[in-house]
């Protein structure tokens, strides 16, 4: 079981608040709370994913560079800081543009992994949908934006997208291990 995230806690707190409001039969208040909560939940999920992916990439860079602080700082300052939303083509239903940033070896490896896993494919689609909806929300007048998804739908997308986010660090390491094993095999 993975650790509960801030998104999980927010969702549980919201459900508790909605139950309380419904006991008081405050329908108008419930609708207002629900509308604002859905936006907060979506932004929380998108923010959590940005934090996780950028931190996982930095951690991975530290591992492969033997903790070379200069290289990690350079990557952090030039390739990570404020660049996350350029990693993905949010209108796509795949993350191939992101995979390509790691080069052909990783791109080919992960595309095959995705083709072999309906769960991973579905997770990437959910991840991109959260990012796409987040962009619509923040760029189309947050205060008046009408989010069509329910809180349960947003939370289910988040849970589905976690499969991809949680798998990414291991997939990077697996690709390197596979590539190194193949190099050794061809050298013999």
Protein backbone atom coordinates (compact mmCIF):
# COMPACT_ATOMS: atom_id res chain seq x y z
CA UNK A 1 0.00 0.00 0.00
CA UNK A 2 1.41 3.36 -1.00
CA UNK A 3 1.57 6.26 1.38
CA UNK A 4 -1.45 8.54 1.46
CA UNK A 5 -0.80 11.77 -0.43
CA UNK A 6 -2.13 15.27 0.08
CA UNK A 7 -4.56 14.56 -2.76
CA UNK A 8 -5.93 11.53 -0.91
CA UNK A 9 -6.32 13.53 2.30
CA UNK A 10 -8.03 16.41 0.49
CA UNK A 11 -10.50 14.05 -1.13
CA UNK A 12 -11.33 12.35 2.20
CA UNK A 13 -11.75 15.69 3.96
CA UNK A 14 -14.06 16.89 1.20
CA UNK A 15 -16.21 13.78 1.44
CA UNK A 16 -16.53 14.32 5.19
CA UNK A 17 -17.43 18.00 4.69
CA UNK A 18 -20.07 17.15 2.06
CA UNK A 19 -21.67 14.59 4.41
CA UNK A 20 -21.82 17.23 7.14
CA UNK A 21 -23.36 19.85 4.82
CA UNK A 22 -25.91 17.36 3.50
CA UNK A 23 -27.01 16.54 7.07
CA UNK A 24 -27.94 20.21 7.43
CA UNK A 25 -29.79 20.07 4.10
CA UNK A 26 -27.75 23.01 2.79
CA UNK A 27 -28.06 22.29 -0.95
CA UNK A 28 -26.83 25.71 -2.13
CA UNK A 29 -23.82 25.58 0.17
CA UNK A 30 -23.11 22.01 -0.93
CA UNK A 31 -23.06 23.04 -4.59
CA UNK A 32 -20.70 25.95 -3.88
CA UNK A 33 -18.35 23.76 -1.86
CA UNK A 34 -18.44 21.04 -4.50
CA UNK A 35 -17.64 23.43 -7.35
CA UNK A 36 -14.66 24.92 -5.54
CA UNK A 37 -13.45 21.59 -4.23
CA UNK A 38 -13.36 19.96 -7.67
CA UNK A 39 -11.08 22.73 -8.90
CA UNK A 40 -8.84 22.39 -5.85
CA UNK A 41 -8.70 18.60 -6.24
CA UNK A 42 -7.72 18.87 -9.91
CA UNK A 43 -5.00 21.43 -9.17
CA UNK A 44 -3.75 19.33 -6.24
CA UNK A 45 -3.45 16.23 -8.41
CA UNK A 46 -1.66 18.10 -11.20
CA UNK A 47 0.66 19.80 -8.73
CA UNK A 48 1.44 16.52 -7.00
CA UNK A 49 2.35 14.91 -10.33
CA UNK A 50 4.60 17.82 -11.29
CA UNK A 51 6.37 17.58 -7.94
CA UNK A 52 6.80 13.82 -8.16
CA UNK A 53 8.04 13.69 -11.75
CA UNK A 54 10.51 16.56 -11.41
CA UNK A 55 11.86 15.17 -8.13
CA UNK A 56 12.10 11.65 -9.54
CA UNK A 57 14.08 12.92 -12.54
CA UNK A 58 16.46 14.86 -10.28
CA UNK A 59 16.91 11.85 -8.02
CA UNK A 60 17.62 9.67 -11.02
CA UNK A 61 20.15 12.21 -12.34
CA UNK A 62 21.89 12.16 -8.97
CA UNK A 63 22.12 8.37 -9.10
CA UNK A 64 23.53 8.11 -12.61
CA UNK A 65 25.95 11.00 -12.13
CA UNK A 66 27.27 9.53 -8.86
CA UNK A 67 25.83 12.48 -6.95
CA UNK A 68 27.76 14.98 -9.07
CA UNK A 69 26.31 18.13 -7.53
CA UNK A 70 27.40 20.34 -10.42
CA UNK A 71 25.63 18.22 -13.02
CA UNK A 72 22.51 17.82 -10.87
CA UNK A 73 22.40 21.59 -10.28
CA UNK A 74 22.78 22.28 -13.98
CA UNK A 75 19.98 19.86 -14.87
CA UNK A 76 17.81 21.24 -12.09
CA UNK A 77 18.30 24.86 -13.13
CA UNK A 78 18.16 24.46 -16.89
CA UNK A 79 16.04 21.36 -17.61
CA UNK A 80 13.76 20.99 -14.59
CA UNK A 81 12.99 24.35 -13.03
CA UNK A 82 9.81 25.78 -14.59
CA UNK A 83 10.01 23.39 -17.54
CA UNK A 84 7.59 20.64 -16.51
CA UNK A 85 4.67 21.78 -18.64
CA UNK A 86 6.88 21.70 -21.74
CA UNK A 87 7.67 17.99 -21.21
CA UNK A 88 4.27 16.84 -22.42
CA UNK A 89 1.98 17.52 -25.32
CA UNK A 90 -1.12 17.77 -23.16
CA UNK A 91 -3.46 17.41 -26.13
CA UNK A 92 -2.11 13.93 -26.95
CA UNK A 93 -3.32 10.66 -25.50
CA UNK A 94 0.23 9.35 -25.19
CA UNK A 95 3.40 10.63 -23.54
CA UNK A 96 5.70 9.99 -26.50
CA UNK A 97 6.99 13.59 -26.55
CA UNK A 98 8.07 13.16 -22.91
CA UNK A 99 9.62 9.76 -23.54
CA UNK A 100 11.57 11.18 -26.47
CA UNK A 101 13.29 13.69 -24.17
CA UNK A 102 15.27 10.75 -22.74
CA UNK A 103 16.43 9.65 -26.19
CA UNK A 104 15.61 6.82 -28.57
CA UNK A 105 16.72 4.01 -26.26
CA UNK A 106 14.29 4.95 -23.51
CA UNK A 107 11.58 6.03 -25.92
CA UNK A 108 11.61 2.68 -27.72
CA UNK A 109 11.81 0.77 -24.43
CA UNK A 110 8.91 2.55 -22.74
CA UNK A 111 6.69 2.55 -25.82
CA UNK A 112 7.00 -1.23 -25.87
CA UNK A 113 6.24 -1.38 -22.15
CA UNK A 114 3.11 0.72 -22.72
CA UNK A 115 2.01 -1.44 -25.67
CA UNK A 116 2.33 -4.49 -23.41
CA UNK A 117 0.30 -2.98 -20.56
CA UNK A 118 -3.26 -1.74 -20.92
CA UNK A 119 -3.01 -0.48 -17.34
CA UNK A 120 0.01 1.69 -18.18
CA UNK A 121 -1.65 2.99 -21.35
CA UNK A 122 -4.80 3.88 -19.42
CA UNK A 123 -2.73 5.50 -16.68
CA UNK A 124 -0.90 7.74 -19.14
CA UNK A 125 -4.19 8.83 -20.68
CA UNK A 126 -5.55 9.69 -17.21
CA UNK A 127 -2.33 11.56 -16.36
CA UNK A 128 -2.54 13.62 -19.55
CA UNK A 129 -6.23 14.31 -19.00
CA UNK A 130 -5.47 15.76 -15.57
CA UNK A 131 -2.76 17.96 -17.08
CA UNK A 132 -5.02 19.04 -19.93
CA UNK A 133 -7.90 19.89 -17.56
CA UNK A 134 -5.50 21.74 -15.26
CA UNK A 135 -4.34 23.86 -18.18
CA UNK A 136 -7.91 24.66 -19.18
CA UNK A 137 -8.75 25.58 -15.59
CA UNK A 138 -5.84 27.95 -15.04
CA UNK A 139 -5.90 29.53 -18.51
CA UNK A 140 -9.66 29.99 -18.92
CA UNK A 141 -10.61 32.22 -15.98
CA UNK A 142 -10.38 30.00 -12.92
CA UNK A 143 -13.15 31.84 -11.06
CA UNK A 144 -15.82 31.25 -13.67
CA UNK A 145 -14.50 28.06 -15.25
CA UNK A 146 -17.07 25.25 -15.21
CA UNK A 147 -15.33 21.97 -14.51
CA UNK A 148 -17.46 19.18 -15.96
CA UNK A 149 -15.98 16.29 -14.00
CA UNK A 150 -17.28 15.24 -10.60
CA UNK A 151 -14.92 15.00 -7.65
CA UNK A 152 -15.17 11.21 -7.85
CA UNK A 153 -14.22 11.26 -11.55
CA UNK A 154 -11.23 13.52 -10.85
CA UNK A 155 -10.11 11.32 -7.98
CA UNK A 156 -10.42 8.17 -10.10
CA UNK A 157 -8.33 9.81 -12.84
CA UNK A 158 -5.75 10.70 -10.21
CA UNK A 159 -5.64 7.12 -8.87
CA UNK A 160 -5.33 5.74 -12.41
CA UNK A 161 -2.59 8.24 -13.31
CA UNK A 162 -0.59 7.23 -10.23
CA UNK A 163 0.30 3.95 -11.95
CA UNK A 164 2.35 5.86 -14.55
CA UNK A 165 3.83 8.35 -12.06
CA UNK A 166 4.84 5.58 -9.65
CA UNK A 167 6.30 3.40 -12.42
CA UNK A 168 8.39 6.06 -14.15
CA UNK A 169 11.49 5.94 -11.88
CA UNK A 170 11.65 2.14 -12.12
CA UNK A 171 11.16 2.22 -15.90
CA UNK A 172 14.13 4.58 -16.25
CA UNK A 173 16.30 2.19 -14.22
CA UNK A 174 14.99 -0.91 -16.02
CA UNK A 175 15.79 0.61 -19.39
CA UNK A 176 19.38 1.36 -18.39
CA UNK A 177 19.82 -2.14 -16.96
CA UNK A 178 18.40 -3.73 -20.10
CA UNK A 179 20.56 -1.57 -22.34
CA UNK A 180 23.71 -2.40 -20.33
CA UNK A 181 22.88 -6.12 -20.44
CA UNK A 182 22.41 -5.94 -24.21
CA UNK A 183 25.76 -4.17 -24.60
CA UNK A 184 27.49 -6.88 -22.58
CA UNK A 185 25.74 -9.56 -24.68
CA UNK A 186 26.93 -8.03 -27.96
CA UNK A 187 30.50 -7.59 -26.71
CA UNK A 188 30.94 -11.34 -26.12
